[in-house]
PDB file of N, CA and C in Angstrom:
ATOM      1  N   MET A   1      36.079  33.719  23.212  1.00  0.00           N
ATOM      2  CA  MET A   1      34.530  33.461  23.320  1.00  0.00           C
ATOM      3  C   MET A   1      34.076  33.140  22.038  1.00  0.00           C
ATOM      4  N   GLU A   2      33.413  31.721  22.053  1.00  0.00           N
ATOM      5  CA  GLU A   2      32.689  31.254  20.806  1.00  0.00           C
ATOM      6  C   GLU A   2      31.307  31.397  21.008  1.00  0.00           C
ATOM      7  N   LYS A   3      30.677  31.972  19.863  1.00  0.00           N
ATOM      8  CA  LYS A   3      29.313  31.834  19.671  1.00  0.00           C
ATOM      9  C   LYS A   3      28.816  30.656  19.372  1.00  0.00           C
ATOM     10  N   ILE A   4      27.655  29.948  19.880  1.00  0.00           N
ATOM     11  CA  ILE A   4      26.833  28.786  19.500  1.00  0.00           C
ATOM     12  C   ILE A   4      25.563  29.026  18.543  1.00  0.00           C
ATOM     13  N   TYR A   5      25.542  28.278  17.463  1.00  0.00           N
ATOM     14  CA  TYR A   5      24.087  28.367  16.767  1.00  0.00           C
ATOM     15  C   TYR A   5      23.705  27.053  16.189  1.00  0.00           C
ATOM     16  N   THR A   6      22.574  26.589  16.730  1.00  0.00           N
ATOM     17  CA  THR A   6      22.284  25.513  15.953  1.00  0.00           C
ATOM     18  C   THR A   6      20.680  25.702  15.379  1.00  0.00           C
ATOM     19  N   LYS A   7      20.294  25.012  14.216  1.00  0.00           N
ATOM     20  CA  LYS A   7      18.818  25.119  13.681  1.00  0.00           C
ATOM     21  C   LYS A   7      18.196  24.292  14.573  1.00  0.00           C
ATOM     22  N   ASN A   8      18.490  23.647  15.542  1.00  0.00           N
ATOM     23  CA  ASN A   8      17.652  22.871  16.192  1.00  0.00           C
ATOM     24  C   ASN A   8      17.000  23.396  17.413  1.00  0.00           C
ATOM     25  N   ALA A   9      17.359  24.655  17.618  1.00  0.00           N
ATOM     26  CA  ALA A   9      16.620  25.403  18.485  1.00  0.00           C
ATOM     27  C   ALA A   9      16.219  26.805  18.067  1.00  0.00           C
ATOM     28  N   PRO A  10      15.372  27.489  18.407  1.00  0.00           N
ATOM     29  CA  PRO A  10      14.885  28.863  17.981  1.00  0.00           C
ATOM     30  C   PRO A  10      16.061  29.968  17.436  1.00  0.00           C
ATOM     31  N   ASP A  11      15.799  30.650  16.636  1.00  0.00           N
ATOM     32  CA  ASP A  11      16.783  31.670  16.440  1.00  0.00           C
ATOM     33  C   ASP A  11      16.543  32.830  17.482  1.00  0.00           C
ATOM     34  N   ALA A  12      17.450  33.664  17.956  1.00  0.00           N
ATOM     35  CA  ALA A  12      17.408  34.666  18.762  1.00  0.00           C
ATOM     36  C   ALA A  12      16.596  35.669  18.111  1.00  0.00           C
ATOM     37  N   ILE A  13      15.633  35.977  18.909  1.00  0.00           N
ATOM     38  CA  ILE A  13      14.617  37.121  18.784  1.00  0.00           C
ATOM     39  C   ILE A  13      15.122  38.313  18.815  1.00  0.00           C
ATOM     40  N   GLY A  14      16.459  38.636  19.239  1.00  0.00           N
ATOM     41  CA  GLY A  14      16.931  39.851  19.560  1.00  0.00           C
ATOM     42  C   GLY A  14      18.684  39.801  19.203  1.00  0.00           C
ATOM     43  N   PRO A  15      19.158  40.752  19.588  1.00  0.00           N
ATOM     44  CA  PRO A  15      20.697  40.985  19.230  1.00  0.00           C
ATOM     45  C   PRO A  15      21.603  40.026  20.492  1.00  0.00           C
ATOM     46  N   TYR A  16      21.340  38.738  20.292  1.00  0.00           N
ATOM     47  CA  TYR A  16      22.158  37.972  21.304  1.00  0.00           C
ATOM     48  C   TYR A  16      22.248  36.607  20.652  1.00  0.00           C
ATOM     49  N   SER A  17      23.091  35.850  21.145  1.00  0.00           N
ATOM     50  CA  SER A  17      23.354  34.359  20.606  1.00  0.00           C
ATOM     51  C   SER A  17      22.727  33.247  21.337  1.00  0.00           C
ATOM     52  N   GLN A  18      22.384  32.144  20.875  1.00  0.00           N
ATOM     53  CA  GLN A  18      21.749  31.130  21.587  1.00  0.00           C
ATOM     54  C   GLN A  18      22.475  30.878  22.725  1.00  0.00           C
ATOM     55  N   ALA A  19      23.889  30.882  22.892  1.00  0.00           N
ATOM     56  CA  ALA A  19      24.857  30.463  23.802  1.00  0.00           C
ATOM     57  C   ALA A  19      26.093  30.955  23.411  1.00  0.00           C
ATOM     58  N   VAL A  20      27.278  31.043  24.352  1.00  0.00           N
ATOM     59  CA  VAL A  20      28.586  31.218  24.233  1.00  0.00           C
ATOM     60  C   VAL A  20      29.190  30.276  24.898  1.00  0.00           C
ATOM     61  N   LYS A  21      30.525  29.975  24.495  1.00  0.00           N
ATOM     62  CA  LYS A  21      31.604  29.097  25.280  1.00  0.00           C
ATOM     63  C   LYS A  21      32.622  30.109  25.510  1.00  0.00           C
ATOM     64  N   VAL A  22      33.023  29.899  26.936  1.00  0.00           N
ATOM     65  CA  VAL A  22      34.151  30.608  27.357  1.00  0.00           C
ATOM     66  C   VAL A  22      34.949  29.634  28.579  1.00  0.00           C
ATOM     67  N   ASN A  23      36.096  29.626  28.495  1.00  0.00           N
ATOM     68  CA  ASN A  23      36.838  29.085  29.765  1.00  0.00           C
ATOM     69  C   ASN A  23      36.064  27.745  30.267  1.00  0.00           C
ATOM     70  N   GLY A  24      35.939  26.862  29.264  1.00  0.00           N
ATOM     71  CA  GLY A  24      35.343  25.395  29.711  1.00  0.00           C
ATOM     72  C   GLY A  24      33.913  25.340  30.252  1.00  0.00           C
ATOM     73  N   LEU A  25      33.162  26.479  29.776  1.00  0.00           N
ATOM     74  CA  LEU A  25      31.608  26.570  30.267  1.00  0.00           C
ATOM     75  C   LEU A  25      30.923  27.144  29.011  1.00  0.00           C
ATOM     76  N   VAL A  26      29.679  26.734  29.111  1.00  0.00           N
ATOM     77  CA  VAL A  26      28.710  27.380  28.100  1.00  0.00           C
ATOM     78  C   VAL A  26      27.520  27.894  28.835  1.00  0.00           C
ATOM     79  N   PHE A  27      27.411  29.246  28.307  1.00  0.00           N
ATOM     80  CA  PHE A  27      26.210  29.932  29.047  1.00  0.00           C
ATOM     81  C   PHE A  27      25.230  30.308  27.949  1.00  0.00           C
ATOM     82  N   THR A  28      24.107  29.693  28.369  1.00  0.00           N
ATOM     83  CA  THR A  28      22.893  29.545  27.259  1.00  0.00           C
ATOM     84  C   THR A  28      22.013  31.051  27.365  1.00  0.00           C
ATOM     85  N   SER A  29      21.569  31.383  26.631  1.00  0.00           N
ATOM     86  CA  SER A  29      20.557  32.544  26.698  1.00  0.00           C
ATOM     87  C   SER A  29      19.190  31.832  27.067  1.00  0.00           C
ATOM     88  N   GLY A  30      18.450  32.601  27.731  1.00  0.00           N
ATOM     89  CA  GLY A  30      17.042  32.088  27.940  1.00  0.00           C
ATOM     90  C   GLY A  30      16.202  31.281  26.917  1.00  0.00           C
ATOM     91  N   GLN A  31      15.933  30.229  27.165  1.00  0.00           N
ATOM     92  CA  GLN A  31      14.988  29.688  26.062  1.00  0.00           C
ATOM     93  C   GLN A  31      13.586  29.514  26.387  1.00  0.00           C
ATOM     94  N   ILE A  32      12.864  29.808  25.465  1.00  0.00           N
ATOM     95  CA  ILE A  32      11.296  29.868  25.506  1.00  0.00           C
ATOM     96  C   ILE A  32      10.651  28.760  24.753  1.00  0.00           C
ATOM     97  N   ALA A  33       9.416  28.591  24.828  1.00  0.00           N
ATOM     98  CA  ALA A  33       8.703  27.210  24.358  1.00  0.00           C
ATOM     99  C   ALA A  33       8.466  27.605  22.680  1.00  0.00           C
ATOM    100  N   ILE A  34       9.486  27.941  21.777  1.00  0.00           N
ATOM    101  CA  ILE A  34       9.239  28.105  20.623  1.00  0.00           C
ATOM    102  C   ILE A  34       9.755  26.868  19.997  1.00  0.00           C
ATOM    103  N   ASN A  35       8.811  26.406  18.956  1.00  0.00           N
ATOM    104  CA  ASN A  35       9.360  24.915  18.171  1.00  0.00           C
ATOM    105  C   ASN A  35      10.136  25.650  17.084  1.00  0.00           C
ATOM    106  N   PRO A  36      11.633  25.369  16.955  1.00  0.00           N
ATOM    107  CA  PRO A  36      12.145  25.758  15.830  1.00  0.00           C
ATOM    108  C   PRO A  36      11.910  25.352  14.376  1.00  0.00           C
ATOM    109  N   ALA A  37      11.100  24.247  14.278  1.00  0.00           N
ATOM    110  CA  ALA A  37      10.708  23.899  13.168  1.00  0.00           C
ATOM    111  C   ALA A  37       9.560  24.906  12.394  1.00  0.00           C
ATOM    112  N   THR A  38       8.707  25.394  13.369  1.00  0.00           N
ATOM    113  CA  THR A  38       7.697  26.451  12.738  1.00  0.00           C
ATOM    114  C   THR A  38       7.995  27.883  13.300  1.00  0.00           C
ATOM    115  N   GLY A  39       8.700  28.105  14.262  1.00  0.00           N
ATOM    116  CA  GLY A  39       8.915  29.467  14.714  1.00  0.00           C
ATOM    117  C   GLY A  39       7.782  29.874  15.688  1.00  0.00           C
ATOM    118  N   ASN A  40       6.957  29.045  15.888  1.00  0.00           N
ATOM    119  CA  ASN A  40       5.659  29.515  17.108  1.00  0.00           C
ATOM    120  C   ASN A  40       5.985  28.673  18.206  1.00  0.00           C
ATOM    121  N   VAL A  41       5.052  29.244  19.026  1.00  0.00           N
ATOM    122  CA  VAL A  41       4.814  28.743  20.540  1.00  0.00           C
ATOM    123  C   VAL A  41       3.632  27.975  20.295  1.00  0.00           C
ATOM    124  N   GLU A  42       3.951  26.434  20.300  1.00  0.00           N
ATOM    125  CA  GLU A  42       2.717  25.609  19.969  1.00  0.00           C
ATOM    126  C   GLU A  42       2.192  24.946  21.362  1.00  0.00           C
ATOM    127  N   ALA A  43       2.575  24.941  22.291  1.00  0.00           N
ATOM    128  CA  ALA A  43       1.990  24.533  23.410  1.00  0.00           C
ATOM    129  C   ALA A  43       1.383  25.714  24.414  1.00  0.00           C
ATOM    130  N   ALA A  44       0.167  25.209  25.020  1.00  0.00           N
ATOM    131  CA  ALA A  44      -0.611  26.205  25.747  1.00  0.00           C
ATOM    132  C   ALA A  44      -0.519  26.032  27.188  1.00  0.00           C
ATOM    133  N   THR A  45       0.049  24.706  27.493  1.00  0.00           N
ATOM    134  CA  THR A  45       0.186  24.276  29.064  1.00  0.00           C
ATOM    135  C   THR A  45       1.777  24.615  29.365  1.00  0.00           C
ATOM    136  N   ILE A  46       1.654  24.828  30.925  1.00  0.00           N
ATOM    137  CA  ILE A  46       3.209  24.750  31.458  1.00  0.00           C
ATOM    138  C   ILE A  46       3.894  23.664  30.940  1.00  0.00           C
ATOM    139  N   GLU A  47       3.191  22.378  31.302  1.00  0.00           N
ATOM    140  CA  GLU A  47       3.743  21.050  30.838  1.00  0.00           C
ATOM    141  C   GLU A  47       4.439  21.211  29.459  1.00  0.00           C
ATOM    142  N   GLY A  48       3.446  21.529  28.633  1.00  0.00           N
ATOM    143  CA  GLY A  48       3.912  21.433  27.079  1.00  0.00           C
ATOM    144  C   GLY A  48       4.886  22.350  26.835  1.00  0.00           C
ATOM    145  N   GLN A  49       4.911  23.587  27.319  1.00  0.00           N
ATOM    146  CA  GLN A  49       6.051  24.747  27.340  1.00  0.00           C
ATOM    147  C   GLN A  49       7.273  24.467  27.844  1.00  0.00           C
ATOM    148  N   THR A  50       7.392  23.667  28.996  1.00  0.00           N
ATOM    149  CA  THR A  50       8.519  23.346  29.645  1.00  0.00           C
ATOM    150  C   THR A  50       9.252  22.278  28.869  1.00  0.00           C
ATOM    151  N   GLU A  51       8.451  21.278  28.266  1.00  0.00           N
ATOM    152  CA  GLU A  51       8.879  20.080  27.618  1.00  0.00           C
ATOM    153  C   GLU A  51       9.722  20.860  26.443  1.00  0.00           C
ATOM    154  N   GLN A  52       9.061  21.899  25.461  1.00  0.00           N
ATOM    155  CA  GLN A  52       9.546  22.437  24.382  1.00  0.00           C
ATOM    156  C   GLN A  52      11.091  23.272  25.141  1.00  0.00           C
ATOM    157  N   VAL A  53      10.966  23.902  26.084  1.00  0.00           N
ATOM    158  CA  VAL A  53      12.132  24.857  26.604  1.00  0.00           C
ATOM    159  C   VAL A  53      13.316  23.654  26.778  1.00  0.00           C
ATOM    160  N   CYS A  54      13.060  22.706  27.514  1.00  0.00           N
ATOM    161  CA  CYS A  54      13.932  21.699  27.911  1.00  0.00           C
ATOM    162  C   CYS A  54      14.830  21.129  26.394  1.00  0.00           C
ATOM    163  N   THR A  55      13.717  20.757  25.677  1.00  0.00           N
ATOM    164  CA  THR A  55      14.278  20.098  24.449  1.00  0.00           C
ATOM    165  C   THR A  55      15.217  21.216  23.668  1.00  0.00           C
ATOM    166  N   ASN A  56      14.615  22.466  23.567  1.00  0.00           N
ATOM    167  CA  ASN A  56      15.503  23.715  22.984  1.00  0.00           C
ATOM    168  C   ASN A  56      16.978  23.605  23.724  1.00  0.00           C
ATOM    169  N   LEU A  57      16.908  23.655  25.061  1.00  0.00           N
ATOM    170  CA  LEU A  57      18.080  23.826  25.996  1.00  0.00           C
ATOM    171  C   LEU A  57      19.120  22.483  25.703  1.00  0.00           C
ATOM    172  N   LYS A  58      18.593  21.391  25.597  1.00  0.00           N
ATOM    173  CA  LYS A  58      19.281  19.992  25.292  1.00  0.00           C
ATOM    174  C   LYS A  58      20.028  20.157  23.855  1.00  0.00           C
ATOM    175  N   ASN A  59      19.472  20.627  22.787  1.00  0.00           N
ATOM    176  CA  ASN A  59      19.804  20.914  21.631  1.00  0.00           C
ATOM    177  C   ASN A  59      21.108  22.001  21.538  1.00  0.00           C
ATOM    178  N   VAL A  60      20.692  23.200  22.166  1.00  0.00           N
ATOM    179  CA  VAL A  60      21.936  24.134  22.294  1.00  0.00           C
ATOM    180  C   VAL A  60      22.892  23.503  23.121  1.00  0.00           C
ATOM    181  N   LEU A  61      22.854  22.872  24.278  1.00  0.00           N
ATOM    182  CA  LEU A  61      23.888  22.301  24.781  1.00  0.00           C
ATOM    183  C   LEU A  61      24.654  21.432  24.030  1.00  0.00           C
ATOM    184  N   GLU A  62      24.088  20.603  23.319  1.00  0.00           N
ATOM    185  CA  GLU A  62      24.676  19.540  22.443  1.00  0.00           C
ATOM    186  C   GLU A  62      25.539  20.182  21.261  1.00  0.00           C
ATOM    187  N   ALA A  63      24.942  21.193  20.843  1.00  0.00           N
ATOM    188  CA  ALA A  63      25.678  22.034  19.704  1.00  0.00           C
ATOM    189  C   ALA A  63      27.166  22.469  20.333  1.00  0.00           C
ATOM    190  N   SER A  64      26.854  22.917  21.502  1.00  0.00           N
ATOM    191  CA  SER A  64      28.187  23.699  22.281  1.00  0.00           C
ATOM    192  C   SER A  64      29.167  22.634  22.691  1.00  0.00           C
ATOM    193  N   GLY A  65      28.744  21.179  22.446  1.00  0.00           N
ATOM    194  CA  GLY A  65      29.756  20.262  23.197  1.00  0.00           C
ATOM    195  C   GLY A  65      29.415  19.988  24.708  1.00  0.00           C
ATOM    196  N   SER A  66      28.315  20.334  24.974  1.00  0.00           N
ATOM    197  CA  SER A  66      27.811  20.028  26.524  1.00  0.00           C
ATOM    198  C   SER A  66      26.743  19.104  26.416  1.00  0.00           C
ATOM    199  N   SER A  67      25.941  19.172  27.372  1.00  0.00           N
ATOM    200  CA  SER A  67      24.626  18.340  27.641  1.00  0.00           C
ATOM    201  C   SER A  67      23.989  18.717  28.858  1.00  0.00           C
ATOM    202  N   LEU A  68      22.834  18.385  29.097  1.00  0.00           N
ATOM    203  CA  LEU A  68      22.023  18.718  30.402  1.00  0.00           C
ATOM    204  C   LEU A  68      22.586  18.057  31.529  1.00  0.00           C
ATOM    205  N   ASP A  69      23.289  16.893  31.373  1.00  0.00           N
ATOM    206  CA  ASP A  69      23.760  16.423  32.710  1.00  0.00           C
ATOM    207  C   ASP A  69      25.187  17.102  32.905  1.00  0.00           C
ATOM    208  N   LYS A  70      25.650  18.104  32.413  1.00  0.00           N
ATOM    209  CA  LYS A  70      26.677  18.805  32.725  1.00  0.00           C
ATOM    210  C   LYS A  70      26.424  20.137  33.278  1.00  0.00           C
ATOM    211  N   ALA A  71      25.016  20.223  33.448  1.00  0.00           N
ATOM    212  CA  ALA A  71      24.702  21.560  33.647  1.00  0.00           C
ATOM    213  C   ALA A  71      24.830  21.882  35.345  1.00  0.00           C
ATOM    214  N   VAL A  72      25.496  22.944  35.638  1.00  0.00           N
ATOM    215  CA  VAL A  72      25.965  23.461  36.924  1.00  0.00           C
ATOM    216  C   VAL A  72      24.740  24.285  37.497  1.00  0.00           C
ATOM    217  N   LYS A  73      24.046  25.328  36.727  1.00  0.00           N
ATOM    218  CA  LYS A  73      23.202  26.145  37.459  1.00  0.00           C
ATOM    219  C   LYS A  73      22.410  26.469  36.217  1.00  0.00           C
ATOM    220  N   THR A  74      20.973  26.537  36.513  1.00  0.00           N
ATOM    221  CA  THR A  74      19.882  26.990  35.798  1.00  0.00           C
ATOM    222  C   THR A  74      19.297  28.017  36.566  1.00  0.00           C
ATOM    223  N   VAL A  75      18.658  29.070  35.708  1.00  0.00           N
ATOM    224  CA  VAL A  75      17.674  30.104  36.338  1.00  0.00           C
ATOM    225  C   VAL A  75      16.578  29.979  35.516  1.00  0.00           C
ATOM    226  N   CYS A  76      15.347  29.995  36.291  1.00  0.00           N
ATOM    227  CA  CYS A  76      13.848  29.734  35.511  1.00  0.00           C
ATOM    228  C   CYS A  76      13.274  30.690  35.904  1.00  0.00           C
ATOM    229  N   PHE A  77      12.242  31.143  35.032  1.00  0.00           N
ATOM    230  CA  PHE A  77      11.181  32.349  35.124  1.00  0.00           C
ATOM    231  C   PHE A  77      10.020  31.806  34.939  1.00  0.00           C
ATOM    232  N   LEU A  78       9.081  31.909  35.530  1.00  0.00           N
ATOM    233  CA  LEU A  78       7.893  31.459  35.626  1.00  0.00           C
ATOM    234  C   LEU A  78       6.924  32.800  35.440  1.00  0.00           C
ATOM    235  N   THR A  79       5.738  32.875  34.833  1.00  0.00           N
ATOM    236  CA  THR A  79       4.750  33.734  34.943  1.00  0.00           C
ATOM    237  C   THR A  79       3.862  33.721  36.167  1.00  0.00           C
ATOM    238  N   ASP A  80       3.730  32.488  36.521  1.00  0.00           N
ATOM    239  CA  ASP A  80       2.544  32.028  37.538  1.00  0.00           C
ATOM    240  C   ASP A  80       3.325  31.006  38.376  1.00  0.00           C
ATOM    241  N   MET A  81       3.796  31.581  39.667  1.00  0.00           N
ATOM    242  CA  MET A  81       4.096  30.288  40.788  1.00  0.00           C
ATOM    243  C   MET A  81       3.209  29.208  41.060  1.00  0.00           C
ATOM    244  N   GLY A  82       2.034  29.422  40.560  1.00  0.00           N
ATOM    245  CA  GLY A  82       0.833  28.410  40.787  1.00  0.00           C
ATOM    246  C   GLY A  82       1.489  26.999  39.705  1.00  0.00           C
ATOM    247  N   ASP A  83       2.030  27.417  38.708  1.00  0.00           N
ATOM    248  CA  ASP A  83       2.860  26.506  37.744  1.00  0.00           C
ATOM    249  C   ASP A  83       3.919  25.606  38.454  1.00  0.00           C
ATOM    250  N   PHE A  84       4.481  26.011  39.521  1.00  0.00           N
ATOM    251  CA  PHE A  84       5.827  25.413  40.099  1.00  0.00           C
ATOM    252  C   PHE A  84       5.754  24.195  40.100  1.00  0.00           C
ATOM    253  N   ALA A  85       4.840  23.509  40.821  1.00  0.00           N
ATOM    254  CA  ALA A  85       4.982  21.960  40.740  1.00  0.00           C
ATOM    255  C   ALA A  85       4.882  21.237  39.511  1.00  0.00           C
ATOM    256  N   ALA A  86       4.029  21.800  38.563  1.00  0.00           N
ATOM    257  CA  ALA A  86       3.826  21.067  37.227  1.00  0.00           C
ATOM    258  C   ALA A  86       5.201  21.372  36.447  1.00  0.00           C
ATOM    259  N   PHE A  87       5.841  22.612  36.606  1.00  0.00           N
ATOM    260  CA  PHE A  87       6.897  22.844  35.931  1.00  0.00           C
ATOM    261  C   PHE A  87       8.234  21.982  36.315  1.00  0.00           C
ATOM    262  N   ASN A  88       8.200  21.635  37.777  1.00  0.00           N
ATOM    263  CA  ASN A  88       9.142  20.886  38.318  1.00  0.00           C
ATOM    264  C   ASN A  88       9.056  19.338  37.845  1.00  0.00           C
ATOM    265  N   GLU A  89       8.046  18.950  37.780  1.00  0.00           N
ATOM    266  CA  GLU A  89       7.917  17.755  37.195  1.00  0.00           C
ATOM    267  C   GLU A  89       8.419  17.206  36.121  1.00  0.00           C
ATOM    268  N   VAL A  90       8.237  18.299  34.998  1.00  0.00           N
ATOM    269  CA  VAL A  90       9.044  18.115  33.736  1.00  0.00           C
ATOM    270  C   VAL A  90      10.448  18.372  33.819  1.00  0.00           C
ATOM    271  N   TYR A  91      10.663  19.481  34.325  1.00  0.00           N
ATOM    272  CA  TYR A  91      12.049  19.911  34.591  1.00  0.00           C
ATOM    273  C   TYR A  91      12.889  18.942  35.089  1.00  0.00           C
ATOM    274  N   GLY A  92      12.192  18.257  36.012  1.00  0.00           N
ATOM    275  CA  GLY A  92      13.213  16.936  36.858  1.00  0.00           C
ATOM    276  C   GLY A  92      13.573  15.846  35.984  1.00  0.00           C
ATOM    277  N   LYS A  93      12.534  15.502  34.789  1.00  0.00           N
ATOM    278  CA  LYS A  93      12.967  14.480  33.704  1.00  0.00           C
ATOM    279  C   LYS A  93      14.283  14.868  33.072  1.00  0.00           C
ATOM    280  N   TYR A  94      14.364  16.095  33.035  1.00  0.00           N
ATOM    281  CA  TYR A  94      15.527  16.616  31.867  1.00  0.00           C
ATOM    282  C   TYR A  94      16.650  16.753  32.882  1.00  0.00           C
ATOM    283  N   PHE A  95      16.749  17.322  33.958  1.00  0.00           N
ATOM    284  CA  PHE A  95      17.898  17.794  34.718  1.00  0.00           C
ATOM    285  C   PHE A  95      18.118  17.001  36.028  1.00  0.00           C
ATOM    286  N   THR A  96      18.251  15.812  35.468  1.00  0.00           N
ATOM    287  CA  THR A  96      18.465  14.591  36.735  1.00  0.00           C
ATOM    288  C   THR A  96      19.571  14.711  37.610  1.00  0.00           C
ATOM    289  N   GLY A  97      20.615  15.718  37.201  1.00  0.00           N
ATOM    290  CA  GLY A  97      21.786  15.674  37.840  1.00  0.00           C
ATOM    291  C   GLY A  97      21.515  16.775  38.951  1.00  0.00           C
ATOM    292  N   LYS A  98      20.365  17.584  38.941  1.00  0.00           N
ATOM    293  CA  LYS A  98      19.921  18.494  39.922  1.00  0.00           C
ATOM    294  C   LYS A  98      20.932  19.471  39.970  1.00  0.00           C
ATOM    295  N   PRO A  99      21.254  20.287  38.955  1.00  0.00           N
ATOM    296  CA  PRO A  99      22.086  21.567  39.175  1.00  0.00           C
ATOM    297  C   PRO A  99      21.381  22.503  40.160  1.00  0.00           C
ATOM    298  N   ALA A 100      22.434  23.690  40.545  1.00  0.00           N
ATOM    299  CA  ALA A 100      22.157  24.570  41.507  1.00  0.00           C
ATOM    300  C   ALA A 100      21.011  25.305  40.704  1.00  0.00           C
ATOM    301  N   ARG A 101      20.069  25.885  41.337  1.00  0.00           N
ATOM    302  CA  ARG A 101      18.773  26.713  40.702  1.00  0.00           C
ATOM    303  C   ARG A 101      18.258  27.732  41.091  1.00  0.00           C
ATOM    304  N   SER A 102      17.918  28.835  40.387  1.00  0.00           N
ATOM    305  CA  SER A 102      16.969  29.673  40.936  1.00  0.00           C
ATOM    306  C   SER A 102      15.754  29.785  40.261  1.00  0.00           C
ATOM    307  N   CYS A 103      14.611  29.944  40.679  1.00  0.00           N
ATOM    308  CA  CYS A 103      13.320  29.968  40.144  1.00  0.00           C
ATOM    309  C   CYS A 103      12.842  31.310  40.541  1.00  0.00           C
ATOM    310  N   VAL A 104      12.432  32.227  39.669  1.00  0.00           N
ATOM    311  CA  VAL A 104      11.506  33.260  39.996  1.00  0.00           C
ATOM    312  C   VAL A 104      10.395  33.741  39.476  1.00  0.00           C
ATOM    313  N   ALA A 105       9.249  34.398  39.738  1.00  0.00           N
ATOM    314  CA  ALA A 105       8.240  34.969  39.188  1.00  0.00           C
ATOM    315  C   ALA A 105       8.672  36.223  38.353  1.00  0.00           C
ATOM    316  N   ALA A 106       8.100  36.205  37.204  1.00  0.00           N
ATOM    317  CA  ALA A 106       8.217  37.057  36.053  1.00  0.00           C
ATOM    318  C   ALA A 106       6.880  37.611  35.615  1.00  0.00           C
ATOM    319  N   LYS A 107       6.769  38.922  35.621  1.00  0.00           N
ATOM    320  CA  LYS A 107       5.430  39.547  35.205  1.00  0.00           C
ATOM    321  C   LYS A 107       4.952  38.957  33.753  1.00  0.00           C
ATOM    322  N   GLN A 108       5.700  39.160  32.923  1.00  0.00           N
ATOM    323  CA  GLN A 108       5.637  38.654  31.483  1.00  0.00           C
ATOM    324  C   GLN A 108       6.910  38.269  30.970  1.00  0.00           C
ATOM    325  N   LEU A 109       6.751  37.322  29.975  1.00  0.00           N
ATOM    326  CA  LEU A 109       7.870  36.808  29.247  1.00  0.00           C
ATOM    327  C   LEU A 109       7.854  37.025  27.650  1.00  0.00           C
ATOM    328  N   PRO A 110       8.956  36.828  26.726  1.00  0.00           N
ATOM    329  CA  PRO A 110       8.648  37.225  25.624  1.00  0.00           C
ATOM    330  C   PRO A 110       7.640  36.198  24.893  1.00  0.00           C
ATOM    331  N   LYS A 111       6.807  36.835  23.818  1.00  0.00           N
ATOM    332  CA  LYS A 111       5.873  35.730  23.319  1.00  0.00           C
ATOM    333  C   LYS A 111       4.815  35.620  24.023  1.00  0.00           C
ATOM    334  N   ASN A 112       4.666  36.182  25.169  1.00  0.00           N
ATOM    335  CA  ASN A 112       3.676  35.753  26.184  1.00  0.00           C
ATOM    336  C   ASN A 112       3.651  34.148  26.665  1.00  0.00           C
ATOM    337  N   VAL A 113       4.896  33.570  26.548  1.00  0.00           N
ATOM    338  CA  VAL A 113       5.327  32.338  27.137  1.00  0.00           C
ATOM    339  C   VAL A 113       4.858  32.038  28.857  1.00  0.00           C
ATOM    340  N   LEU A 114       4.931  30.839  29.182  1.00  0.00           N
ATOM    341  CA  LEU A 114       4.560  30.853  30.562  1.00  0.00           C
ATOM    342  C   LEU A 114       6.025  30.263  31.486  1.00  0.00           C
ATOM    343  N   VAL A 115       6.958  30.289  30.498  1.00  0.00           N
ATOM    344  CA  VAL A 115       8.329  29.828  31.157  1.00  0.00           C
ATOM    345  C   VAL A 115       9.429  29.996  30.350  1.00  0.00           C
ATOM    346  N   GLU A 116      10.609  30.440  31.114  1.00  0.00           N
ATOM    347  CA  GLU A 116      11.894  30.561  30.415  1.00  0.00           C
ATOM    348  C   GLU A 116      12.964  29.752  31.192  1.00  0.00           C
ATOM    349  N   VAL A 117      13.953  29.399  30.584  1.00  0.00           N
ATOM    350  CA  VAL A 117      15.066  28.750  31.394  1.00  0.00           C
ATOM    351  C   VAL A 117      16.261  29.085  30.694  1.00  0.00           C
ATOM    352  N   GLU A 118      17.184  29.264  31.505  1.00  0.00           N
ATOM    353  CA  GLU A 118      18.943  29.471  30.775  1.00  0.00           C
ATOM    354  C   GLU A 118      19.672  28.643  31.958  1.00  0.00           C
ATOM    355  N   VAL A 119      20.763  28.142  31.115  1.00  0.00           N
ATOM    356  CA  VAL A 119      21.716  27.127  31.877  1.00  0.00           C
ATOM    357  C   VAL A 119      23.319  27.616  31.768  1.00  0.00           C
ATOM    358  N   ILE A 120      23.797  27.145  32.691  1.00  0.00           N
ATOM    359  CA  ILE A 120      25.455  27.248  32.786  1.00  0.00           C
ATOM    360  C   ILE A 120      25.659  25.902  32.773  1.00  0.00           C
ATOM    361  N   ALA A 121      26.715  25.429  31.993  1.00  0.00           N
ATOM    362  CA  ALA A 121      26.996  23.876  32.005  1.00  0.00           C
ATOM    363  C   ALA A 121      28.626  23.770  31.492  1.00  0.00           C
ATOM    364  N   GLU A 122      29.150  22.639  32.076  1.00  0.00           N
ATOM    365  CA  GLU A 122      30.488  22.434  31.878  1.00  0.00           C
ATOM    366  C   GLU A 122      30.419  21.855  30.215  1.00  0.00           C
ATOM    367  N   ILE A 123      31.738  22.147  29.407  1.00  0.00           N
ATOM    368  CA  ILE A 123      32.025  21.541  28.321  1.00  0.00           C
ATOM    369  C   ILE A 123      32.359  20.198  28.568  1.00  0.00           C
ATOM    370  N   ARG A 124      31.833  19.257  27.842  1.00  0.00           N
ATOM    371  CA  ARG A 124      32.423  17.609  27.822  1.00  0.00           C
ATOM    372  C   ARG A 124      33.954  17.834  27.707  1.00  0.00           C
ATOM    373  N   GLU A 125      34.402  16.717  28.546  1.00  0.00           N
ATOM    374  CA  GLU A 125      36.196  16.651  28.398  1.00  0.00           C
ATOM    375  C   GLU A 125      36.163  15.235  27.601  1.00  0.00           C
TER     376      GLU A 125
END
């Protein structure tokens, strides 16, 4: 198992890695809308936060030798299912390969963000 780290995504805010690689797959930790340059949540809208989450995931996957188009499964957490359509609009721009997905409501997420997404992806061959 190989631990993945990139300065182009937020540092872990707990005892975990940004991602790990094992057996040709990369498993990302859930990414939230923290801007890695500032360490802050800077977007207040679901659209802005989803953009930041997807950018963070893109950077973690690239650091692992994978990419968004190699995603096979995502798990998405929203604090308000009323944001589902707006979330999908942004998410769909990044995950064009349409991986398998679960999307669930969460009462609260770290740093009081609106969205968190984790990914399982293939490593580029």
